[in-house]
Amino acid sequence: MKKLSNFIVPLFFIVFGIACLTMSSTAFHTHNPLHHLLESLLGICLFLCIPVMLGIVYMWFKKRKK
């Protein structure tokens, strides 16, 4: 159970942070806020995917060397 909470709690904070960042970026847009919300969310998620993918590749190379 402790391992599960070590994974779930940080994941919750990451998702909550992304949601807050996205909502704050669309707070003052009055022209089509849903479009801007989705565009902003896509940009943030793509920006966050790059370090995650680099981390996965790094761990794969590190594991492969052993």
N, C-alpha and C. Protein backbone atom coordinates (compact mmCIF):
# COMPACT_ATOMS: atom_id res chain seq x y z
N MET A 1 0.82 -1.20 0.00
CA MET A 1 0.00 0.00 0.00
C MET A 1 0.86 1.26 0.00
N LYS A 2 2.01 1.20 0.66
CA LYS A 2 2.89 2.36 0.72
C LYS A 2 3.45 2.70 -0.66
N LYS A 3 3.78 1.66 -1.46
CA LYS A 3 4.28 1.93 -2.80
C LYS A 3 3.22 2.59 -3.66
N LEU A 4 1.98 2.18 -3.50
CA LEU A 4 0.91 2.77 -4.27
C LEU A 4 0.72 4.24 -3.90
N SER A 5 0.79 4.56 -2.63
CA SER A 5 0.62 5.96 -2.22
C SER A 5 1.83 6.79 -2.65
N ASN A 6 3.00 6.19 -2.74
CA ASN A 6 4.17 6.91 -3.23
C ASN A 6 4.04 7.25 -4.71
N PHE A 7 3.17 6.57 -5.41
CA PHE A 7 2.94 6.85 -6.83
C PHE A 7 1.73 7.75 -7.03
N ILE A 8 0.66 7.51 -6.28
CA ILE A 8 -0.59 8.22 -6.48
C ILE A 8 -0.52 9.68 -6.02
N VAL A 9 0.07 9.94 -4.88
CA VAL A 9 0.11 11.30 -4.34
C VAL A 9 0.89 12.25 -5.26
N PRO A 10 2.10 11.91 -5.70
CA PRO A 10 2.78 12.83 -6.64
C PRO A 10 2.04 12.96 -7.97
N LEU A 11 1.43 11.89 -8.44
CA LEU A 11 0.67 11.97 -9.68
C LEU A 11 -0.51 12.92 -9.54
N PHE A 12 -1.17 12.89 -8.39
CA PHE A 12 -2.28 13.82 -8.12
C PHE A 12 -1.79 15.26 -8.16
N PHE A 13 -0.67 15.54 -7.53
CA PHE A 13 -0.16 16.90 -7.51
C PHE A 13 0.28 17.36 -8.90
N ILE A 14 0.84 16.47 -9.68
CA ILE A 14 1.24 16.83 -11.05
C ILE A 14 0.02 17.16 -11.89
N VAL A 15 -1.00 16.32 -11.83
CA VAL A 15 -2.22 16.57 -12.60
C VAL A 15 -2.91 17.84 -12.12
N PHE A 16 -2.97 18.05 -10.82
CA PHE A 16 -3.59 19.25 -10.28
C PHE A 16 -2.81 20.50 -10.71
N GLY A 17 -1.50 20.42 -10.72
CA GLY A 17 -0.67 21.55 -11.17
C GLY A 17 -0.88 21.87 -12.63
N ILE A 18 -0.97 20.83 -13.45
CA ILE A 18 -1.22 21.05 -14.88
C ILE A 18 -2.59 21.67 -15.08
N ALA A 19 -3.58 21.21 -14.32
CA ALA A 19 -4.93 21.78 -14.44
C ALA A 19 -4.93 23.25 -14.02
N CYS A 20 -4.26 23.58 -12.94
CA CYS A 20 -4.20 24.98 -12.49
C CYS A 20 -3.47 25.85 -13.51
N LEU A 21 -2.38 25.35 -14.06
CA LEU A 21 -1.62 26.09 -15.06
C LEU A 21 -2.46 26.35 -16.30
N THR A 22 -3.20 25.35 -16.73
CA THR A 22 -4.03 25.50 -17.91
C THR A 22 -5.20 26.45 -17.66
N MET A 23 -5.84 26.33 -16.51
CA MET A 23 -6.97 27.22 -16.20
C MET A 23 -6.51 28.66 -16.05
N SER A 24 -5.35 28.87 -15.46
CA SER A 24 -4.88 30.25 -15.30
C SER A 24 -4.47 30.86 -16.63
N SER A 25 -4.05 30.04 -17.57
CA SER A 25 -3.68 30.59 -18.88
C SER A 25 -4.89 30.98 -19.70
N THR A 26 -6.07 30.44 -19.37
CA THR A 26 -7.28 30.77 -20.11
C THR A 26 -8.21 31.68 -19.33
N ALA A 27 -7.82 32.16 -18.19
CA ALA A 27 -8.72 32.92 -17.31
C ALA A 27 -9.16 34.24 -17.93
N PHE A 28 -8.31 34.89 -18.67
CA PHE A 28 -8.64 36.23 -19.17
C PHE A 28 -8.97 36.26 -20.65
N HIS A 29 -9.12 35.11 -21.27
CA HIS A 29 -9.49 35.05 -22.68
C HIS A 29 -11.01 34.96 -22.79
N THR A 30 -11.61 35.98 -23.36
CA THR A 30 -13.06 35.99 -23.48
C THR A 30 -13.51 35.44 -24.83
N HIS A 31 -12.65 35.48 -25.82
CA HIS A 31 -13.01 34.98 -27.14
C HIS A 31 -12.68 33.48 -27.23
N ASN A 32 -13.69 32.64 -27.24
CA ASN A 32 -13.58 31.19 -27.38
C ASN A 32 -12.63 30.59 -26.34
N PRO A 33 -12.97 30.63 -25.07
CA PRO A 33 -12.07 30.14 -24.03
C PRO A 33 -11.85 28.62 -24.09
N LEU A 34 -12.82 27.85 -24.58
CA LEU A 34 -12.64 26.41 -24.65
C LEU A 34 -11.54 26.04 -25.65
N HIS A 35 -11.52 26.74 -26.78
CA HIS A 35 -10.46 26.50 -27.77
C HIS A 35 -9.09 26.81 -27.17
N HIS A 36 -9.00 27.93 -26.48
CA HIS A 36 -7.72 28.31 -25.88
C HIS A 36 -7.33 27.35 -24.76
N LEU A 37 -8.31 26.86 -24.01
CA LEU A 37 -8.04 25.89 -22.95
C LEU A 37 -7.45 24.61 -23.53
N LEU A 38 -8.06 24.09 -24.58
CA LEU A 38 -7.56 22.86 -25.20
C LEU A 38 -6.20 23.07 -25.87
N GLU A 39 -6.03 24.21 -26.50
CA GLU A 39 -4.75 24.52 -27.13
C GLU A 39 -3.64 24.64 -26.08
N SER A 40 -3.96 25.28 -24.99
CA SER A 40 -3.00 25.45 -23.89
C SER A 40 -2.66 24.10 -23.25
N LEU A 41 -3.68 23.28 -23.03
CA LEU A 41 -3.46 21.96 -22.44
C LEU A 41 -2.60 21.10 -23.34
N LEU A 42 -2.85 21.14 -24.63
CA LEU A 42 -2.04 20.37 -25.58
C LEU A 42 -0.58 20.83 -25.55
N GLY A 43 -0.38 22.14 -25.55
CA GLY A 43 0.99 22.68 -25.52
C GLY A 43 1.72 22.30 -24.24
N ILE A 44 1.04 22.38 -23.11
CA ILE A 44 1.67 22.04 -21.83
C ILE A 44 2.00 20.55 -21.77
N CYS A 45 1.06 19.72 -22.22
CA CYS A 45 1.30 18.28 -22.18
C CYS A 45 2.42 17.86 -23.12
N LEU A 46 2.49 18.48 -24.30
CA LEU A 46 3.59 18.18 -25.20
C LEU A 46 4.92 18.64 -24.62
N PHE A 47 4.92 19.79 -23.96
CA PHE A 47 6.13 20.30 -23.35
C PHE A 47 6.60 19.38 -22.21
N LEU A 48 5.65 18.78 -21.50
CA LEU A 48 6.00 17.88 -20.40
C LEU A 48 6.39 16.49 -20.90
N CYS A 49 5.93 16.12 -22.08
CA CYS A 49 6.25 14.79 -22.62
C CYS A 49 7.72 14.66 -23.01
N ILE A 50 8.34 15.76 -23.40
CA ILE A 50 9.74 15.70 -23.83
C ILE A 50 10.65 15.22 -22.71
N PRO A 51 10.61 15.80 -21.50
CA PRO A 51 11.47 15.28 -20.42
C PRO A 51 11.12 13.85 -20.01
N VAL A 52 9.84 13.51 -20.05
CA VAL A 52 9.45 12.14 -19.69
C VAL A 52 10.02 11.15 -20.69
N MET A 53 9.93 11.46 -21.96
CA MET A 53 10.48 10.57 -22.98
C MET A 53 12.00 10.46 -22.87
N LEU A 54 12.66 11.57 -22.60
CA LEU A 54 14.11 11.54 -22.41
C LEU A 54 14.48 10.69 -21.20
N GLY A 55 13.70 10.79 -20.13
CA GLY A 55 13.94 9.97 -18.95
C GLY A 55 13.75 8.49 -19.23
N ILE A 56 12.74 8.14 -20.01
CA ILE A 56 12.51 6.74 -20.35
C ILE A 56 13.65 6.21 -21.20
N VAL A 57 14.10 7.00 -22.17
CA VAL A 57 15.23 6.57 -23.02
C VAL A 57 16.49 6.42 -22.17
N TYR A 58 16.73 7.35 -21.25
CA TYR A 58 17.90 7.27 -20.38
C TYR A 58 17.86 6.01 -19.52
N MET A 59 16.70 5.71 -18.93
CA MET A 59 16.58 4.52 -18.10
C MET A 59 16.73 3.25 -18.94
N TRP A 60 16.25 3.27 -20.17
CA TRP A 60 16.38 2.12 -21.05
C TRP A 60 17.85 1.87 -21.39
N PHE A 61 18.60 2.94 -21.71
CA PHE A 61 20.02 2.78 -22.01
C PHE A 61 20.79 2.34 -20.77
N LYS A 62 20.45 2.89 -19.62
CA LYS A 62 21.13 2.53 -18.39
C LYS A 62 20.89 1.06 -18.04
N LYS A 63 19.66 0.59 -18.24
CA LYS A 63 19.33 -0.80 -17.95
C LYS A 63 19.98 -1.73 -18.97
N ARG A 64 20.10 -1.28 -20.20
CA ARG A 64 20.67 -2.10 -21.26
C ARG A 64 22.17 -2.32 -21.07
N LYS A 65 22.86 -1.36 -20.46
CA LYS A 65 24.31 -1.49 -20.25
C LYS A 65 24.66 -2.54 -19.21
N LYS A 66 23.74 -2.82 -18.27
CA LYS A 66 24.03 -3.78 -17.20
C LYS A 66 24.04 -5.18 -17.67
